[in-house]
């Protein structure tokens, strides 16, 4: 069952919070959907999510596999679809 299917029919859902970590300062924290961005590319190498570490301010970019993409999109994270030009 997808996240979207699980929430189908609900009128109001509490804000979704995602756990994340910074590879630079090693801080662990929770971020709301508005603090994350998801980029979906043509391959797994060009599909990633990003955020700014609230502790040290580092820009963080991490790969997003199929399950992560499903969770982030279902949780309301803004998504950008990347198109390749030949």
N, C-alpha and C. Protein backbone atom coordinates (compact mmCIF):
# COMPACT_ATOMS: atom_id res chain seq x y z
N UNK A 1 0.85 -1.16 0.00
CA UNK A 1 0.00 0.00 0.00
C UNK A 1 0.91 1.23 0.00
N UNK A 2 0.58 2.20 -0.85
CA UNK A 2 1.38 3.42 -0.90
C UNK A 2 0.94 4.38 0.20
N UNK A 3 1.78 5.35 0.47
CA UNK A 3 1.46 6.36 1.47
C UNK A 3 0.21 7.12 1.04
N UNK A 4 0.15 7.45 -0.24
CA UNK A 4 -1.00 8.19 -0.77
C UNK A 4 -2.29 7.40 -0.56
N UNK A 5 -2.26 6.09 -0.81
CA UNK A 5 -3.44 5.25 -0.62
C UNK A 5 -3.82 5.19 0.85
N UNK A 6 -2.84 5.11 1.72
CA UNK A 6 -3.11 5.03 3.15
C UNK A 6 -3.83 6.27 3.66
N UNK A 7 -3.53 7.42 3.06
CA UNK A 7 -4.14 8.66 3.51
C UNK A 7 -5.37 9.05 2.71
N UNK A 8 -5.73 8.27 1.71
CA UNK A 8 -6.90 8.60 0.88
C UNK A 8 -8.15 8.68 1.75
N UNK A 9 -8.95 9.70 1.53
CA UNK A 9 -10.19 9.86 2.28
C UNK A 9 -10.05 10.64 3.57
N UNK A 10 -8.83 10.89 4.02
CA UNK A 10 -8.65 11.67 5.24
C UNK A 10 -8.78 13.14 4.89
N UNK A 11 -9.44 13.88 5.75
CA UNK A 11 -9.66 15.30 5.50
C UNK A 11 -8.48 16.15 5.99
N UNK A 12 -7.94 15.84 7.11
CA UNK A 12 -6.82 16.61 7.65
C UNK A 12 -5.80 15.65 8.22
N UNK A 13 -4.57 15.85 7.83
CA UNK A 13 -3.48 15.00 8.30
C UNK A 13 -2.48 15.91 9.02
N UNK A 14 -1.98 15.45 10.13
CA UNK A 14 -0.96 16.21 10.85
C UNK A 14 0.26 16.40 9.94
N UNK A 15 0.99 17.45 10.18
CA UNK A 15 2.19 17.71 9.38
C UNK A 15 3.12 16.51 9.42
N UNK A 16 3.65 16.16 8.27
CA UNK A 16 4.58 15.03 8.17
C UNK A 16 5.97 15.54 8.53
N UNK A 17 6.68 14.75 9.31
CA UNK A 17 8.04 15.09 9.72
C UNK A 17 8.96 13.95 9.29
N UNK A 18 10.10 14.32 8.75
CA UNK A 18 11.08 13.34 8.28
C UNK A 18 12.34 13.44 9.13
N UNK A 19 12.91 12.30 9.48
CA UNK A 19 14.18 12.27 10.21
C UNK A 19 15.31 12.37 9.20
N UNK A 20 16.31 13.14 9.54
CA UNK A 20 17.45 13.31 8.64
C UNK A 20 18.72 13.48 9.45
N UNK A 21 19.83 13.43 8.77
CA UNK A 21 21.12 13.62 9.41
C UNK A 21 22.06 14.36 8.49
N UNK A 22 22.98 15.09 9.08
CA UNK A 22 23.95 15.86 8.32
C UNK A 22 25.28 15.10 8.27
N UNK A 23 25.81 14.86 7.09
CA UNK A 23 27.10 14.17 7.00
C UNK A 23 28.27 15.06 7.43
N UNK A 24 28.07 16.37 7.43
CA UNK A 24 29.16 17.28 7.81
C UNK A 24 29.33 17.39 9.33
N UNK A 25 28.25 17.75 10.04
CA UNK A 25 28.37 17.95 11.49
C UNK A 25 27.83 16.77 12.30
N UNK A 26 27.27 15.78 11.61
CA UNK A 26 26.74 14.56 12.23
C UNK A 26 25.49 14.78 13.09
N UNK A 27 24.87 15.95 13.00
CA UNK A 27 23.65 16.22 13.76
C UNK A 27 22.50 15.38 13.21
N UNK A 28 21.59 15.00 14.09
CA UNK A 28 20.37 14.28 13.73
C UNK A 28 19.21 15.19 14.09
N UNK A 29 18.19 15.26 13.23
CA UNK A 29 17.10 16.19 13.44
C UNK A 29 15.87 15.75 12.65
N UNK A 30 14.79 16.47 12.83
CA UNK A 30 13.55 16.23 12.08
C UNK A 30 13.26 17.46 11.25
N UNK A 31 12.79 17.21 10.02
CA UNK A 31 12.46 18.30 9.09
C UNK A 31 11.04 18.13 8.58
N UNK A 32 10.35 19.23 8.41
CA UNK A 32 9.04 19.21 7.79
C UNK A 32 9.19 19.11 6.28
N UNK A 33 8.11 18.77 5.61
CA UNK A 33 8.14 18.59 4.15
C UNK A 33 8.63 19.84 3.43
N UNK A 34 8.32 21.01 3.95
CA UNK A 34 8.72 22.25 3.29
C UNK A 34 10.23 22.50 3.33
N UNK A 35 10.95 21.80 4.19
CA UNK A 35 12.40 21.98 4.31
C UNK A 35 13.17 21.08 3.36
N UNK A 36 12.47 20.18 2.67
CA UNK A 36 13.11 19.23 1.77
C UNK A 36 12.73 19.51 0.32
N UNK A 37 13.61 19.13 -0.60
CA UNK A 37 13.33 19.18 -2.03
C UNK A 37 13.71 17.84 -2.62
N UNK A 38 12.91 17.37 -3.55
CA UNK A 38 13.16 16.09 -4.21
C UNK A 38 13.33 16.34 -5.69
N UNK A 39 14.40 15.83 -6.26
CA UNK A 39 14.64 15.91 -7.71
C UNK A 39 14.61 14.50 -8.27
N UNK A 40 13.76 14.29 -9.26
CA UNK A 40 13.63 12.97 -9.87
C UNK A 40 14.20 13.03 -11.27
N UNK A 41 15.27 12.28 -11.48
CA UNK A 41 15.93 12.25 -12.77
C UNK A 41 15.61 10.96 -13.53
N UNK A 42 16.27 10.80 -14.64
CA UNK A 42 16.05 9.63 -15.50
C UNK A 42 16.66 8.36 -14.93
N UNK A 43 17.64 8.50 -14.04
CA UNK A 43 18.30 7.34 -13.46
C UNK A 43 18.40 7.48 -11.95
N UNK A 44 18.82 6.42 -11.30
CA UNK A 44 18.99 6.48 -9.85
C UNK A 44 20.11 7.45 -9.47
N UNK A 45 21.08 7.67 -10.35
CA UNK A 45 22.17 8.60 -10.06
C UNK A 45 21.72 10.05 -10.12
N UNK A 46 20.61 10.32 -10.79
CA UNK A 46 20.13 11.70 -10.91
C UNK A 46 18.85 11.94 -10.11
N UNK A 47 18.54 11.02 -9.21
CA UNK A 47 17.38 11.18 -8.33
C UNK A 47 17.90 11.34 -6.91
N UNK A 48 17.54 12.48 -6.29
CA UNK A 48 18.09 12.79 -4.98
C UNK A 48 17.14 13.72 -4.23
N UNK A 49 17.38 13.83 -2.93
CA UNK A 49 16.68 14.84 -2.14
C UNK A 49 17.72 15.73 -1.48
N UNK A 50 17.31 16.95 -1.15
CA UNK A 50 18.25 17.88 -0.57
C UNK A 50 17.58 18.72 0.51
N UNK A 51 18.42 19.25 1.39
CA UNK A 51 17.96 20.12 2.47
C UNK A 51 19.17 20.88 3.01
N UNK A 52 18.90 21.88 3.82
CA UNK A 52 19.94 22.62 4.50
C UNK A 52 19.96 22.19 5.96
N UNK A 53 21.12 21.83 6.45
CA UNK A 53 21.25 21.39 7.85
C UNK A 53 20.90 22.55 8.77
N UNK A 54 19.93 22.34 9.66
CA UNK A 54 19.56 23.41 10.59
C UNK A 54 20.63 23.69 11.66
N UNK A 55 21.58 22.78 11.82
CA UNK A 55 22.62 22.96 12.84
C UNK A 55 23.83 23.73 12.30
N UNK A 56 24.34 23.32 11.15
CA UNK A 56 25.58 23.93 10.64
C UNK A 56 25.37 24.73 9.35
N UNK A 57 24.20 24.62 8.73
CA UNK A 57 23.92 25.37 7.51
C UNK A 57 24.44 24.75 6.23
N UNK A 58 24.98 23.53 6.32
CA UNK A 58 25.50 22.86 5.12
C UNK A 58 24.37 22.47 4.18
N UNK A 59 24.64 22.57 2.88
CA UNK A 59 23.70 22.06 1.89
C UNK A 59 23.95 20.56 1.76
N UNK A 60 22.90 19.77 1.97
CA UNK A 60 23.04 18.32 1.97
C UNK A 60 22.25 17.75 0.79
N UNK A 61 22.86 16.84 0.08
CA UNK A 61 22.22 16.16 -1.06
C UNK A 61 22.45 14.66 -0.88
N UNK A 62 21.34 13.90 -0.88
CA UNK A 62 21.44 12.46 -0.68
C UNK A 62 20.67 11.73 -1.77
N UNK A 63 21.14 10.54 -2.17
CA UNK A 63 20.42 9.77 -3.18
C UNK A 63 19.06 9.33 -2.67
N UNK A 64 18.11 9.24 -3.58
CA UNK A 64 16.75 8.83 -3.21
C UNK A 64 16.35 7.63 -4.06
N UNK A 65 16.27 6.48 -3.41
CA UNK A 65 15.79 5.29 -4.08
C UNK A 65 14.28 5.32 -4.21
N UNK A 66 13.74 4.29 -4.78
CA UNK A 66 12.30 4.22 -5.04
C UNK A 66 11.46 4.40 -3.79
N UNK A 67 11.83 3.77 -2.69
CA UNK A 67 11.07 3.87 -1.44
C UNK A 67 11.12 5.28 -0.86
N UNK A 68 12.29 5.91 -0.90
CA UNK A 68 12.43 7.28 -0.40
C UNK A 68 11.57 8.22 -1.24
N UNK A 69 11.60 8.06 -2.55
CA UNK A 69 10.78 8.89 -3.44
C UNK A 69 9.30 8.75 -3.07
N UNK A 70 8.86 7.53 -2.85
CA UNK A 70 7.46 7.28 -2.48
C UNK A 70 7.10 7.97 -1.16
N UNK A 71 7.97 7.85 -0.17
CA UNK A 71 7.70 8.46 1.14
C UNK A 71 7.69 9.98 1.07
N UNK A 72 8.66 10.54 0.36
CA UNK A 72 8.75 12.00 0.28
C UNK A 72 7.59 12.60 -0.52
N UNK A 73 7.26 12.00 -1.64
CA UNK A 73 6.14 12.54 -2.43
C UNK A 73 4.83 12.37 -1.68
N UNK A 74 4.64 11.24 -1.02
CA UNK A 74 3.44 11.01 -0.23
C UNK A 74 3.33 11.93 0.96
N UNK A 75 4.48 12.41 1.44
CA UNK A 75 4.51 13.31 2.60
C UNK A 75 4.44 14.78 2.23
N UNK A 76 4.28 15.07 0.94
CA UNK A 76 4.11 16.46 0.53
C UNK A 76 5.37 17.23 0.20
N UNK A 77 6.49 16.56 0.02
CA UNK A 77 7.73 17.24 -0.34
C UNK A 77 7.63 17.72 -1.79
N UNK A 78 8.04 18.97 -2.01
CA UNK A 78 8.01 19.53 -3.36
C UNK A 78 8.98 18.77 -4.25
N UNK A 79 8.50 18.47 -5.46
CA UNK A 79 9.26 17.62 -6.37
C UNK A 79 9.57 18.34 -7.67
N UNK A 80 10.78 18.15 -8.16
CA UNK A 80 11.21 18.68 -9.44
C UNK A 80 11.56 17.48 -10.31
N UNK A 81 10.99 17.43 -11.49
CA UNK A 81 11.32 16.35 -12.43
C UNK A 81 12.37 16.86 -13.38
N UNK A 82 13.52 16.19 -13.40
CA UNK A 82 14.63 16.59 -14.26
C UNK A 82 14.48 15.93 -15.63
N UNK A 83 14.69 16.69 -16.66
CA UNK A 83 14.62 16.17 -18.04
C UNK A 83 16.00 16.30 -18.65
N UNK A 84 16.43 15.26 -19.32
CA UNK A 84 17.74 15.31 -19.96
C UNK A 84 17.58 15.86 -21.37
N UNK A 85 18.58 16.59 -21.80
CA UNK A 85 18.58 17.09 -23.17
C UNK A 85 19.68 16.37 -23.93
N UNK A 86 19.36 15.99 -25.10
CA UNK A 86 20.33 15.25 -25.92
C UNK A 86 21.09 16.15 -26.83
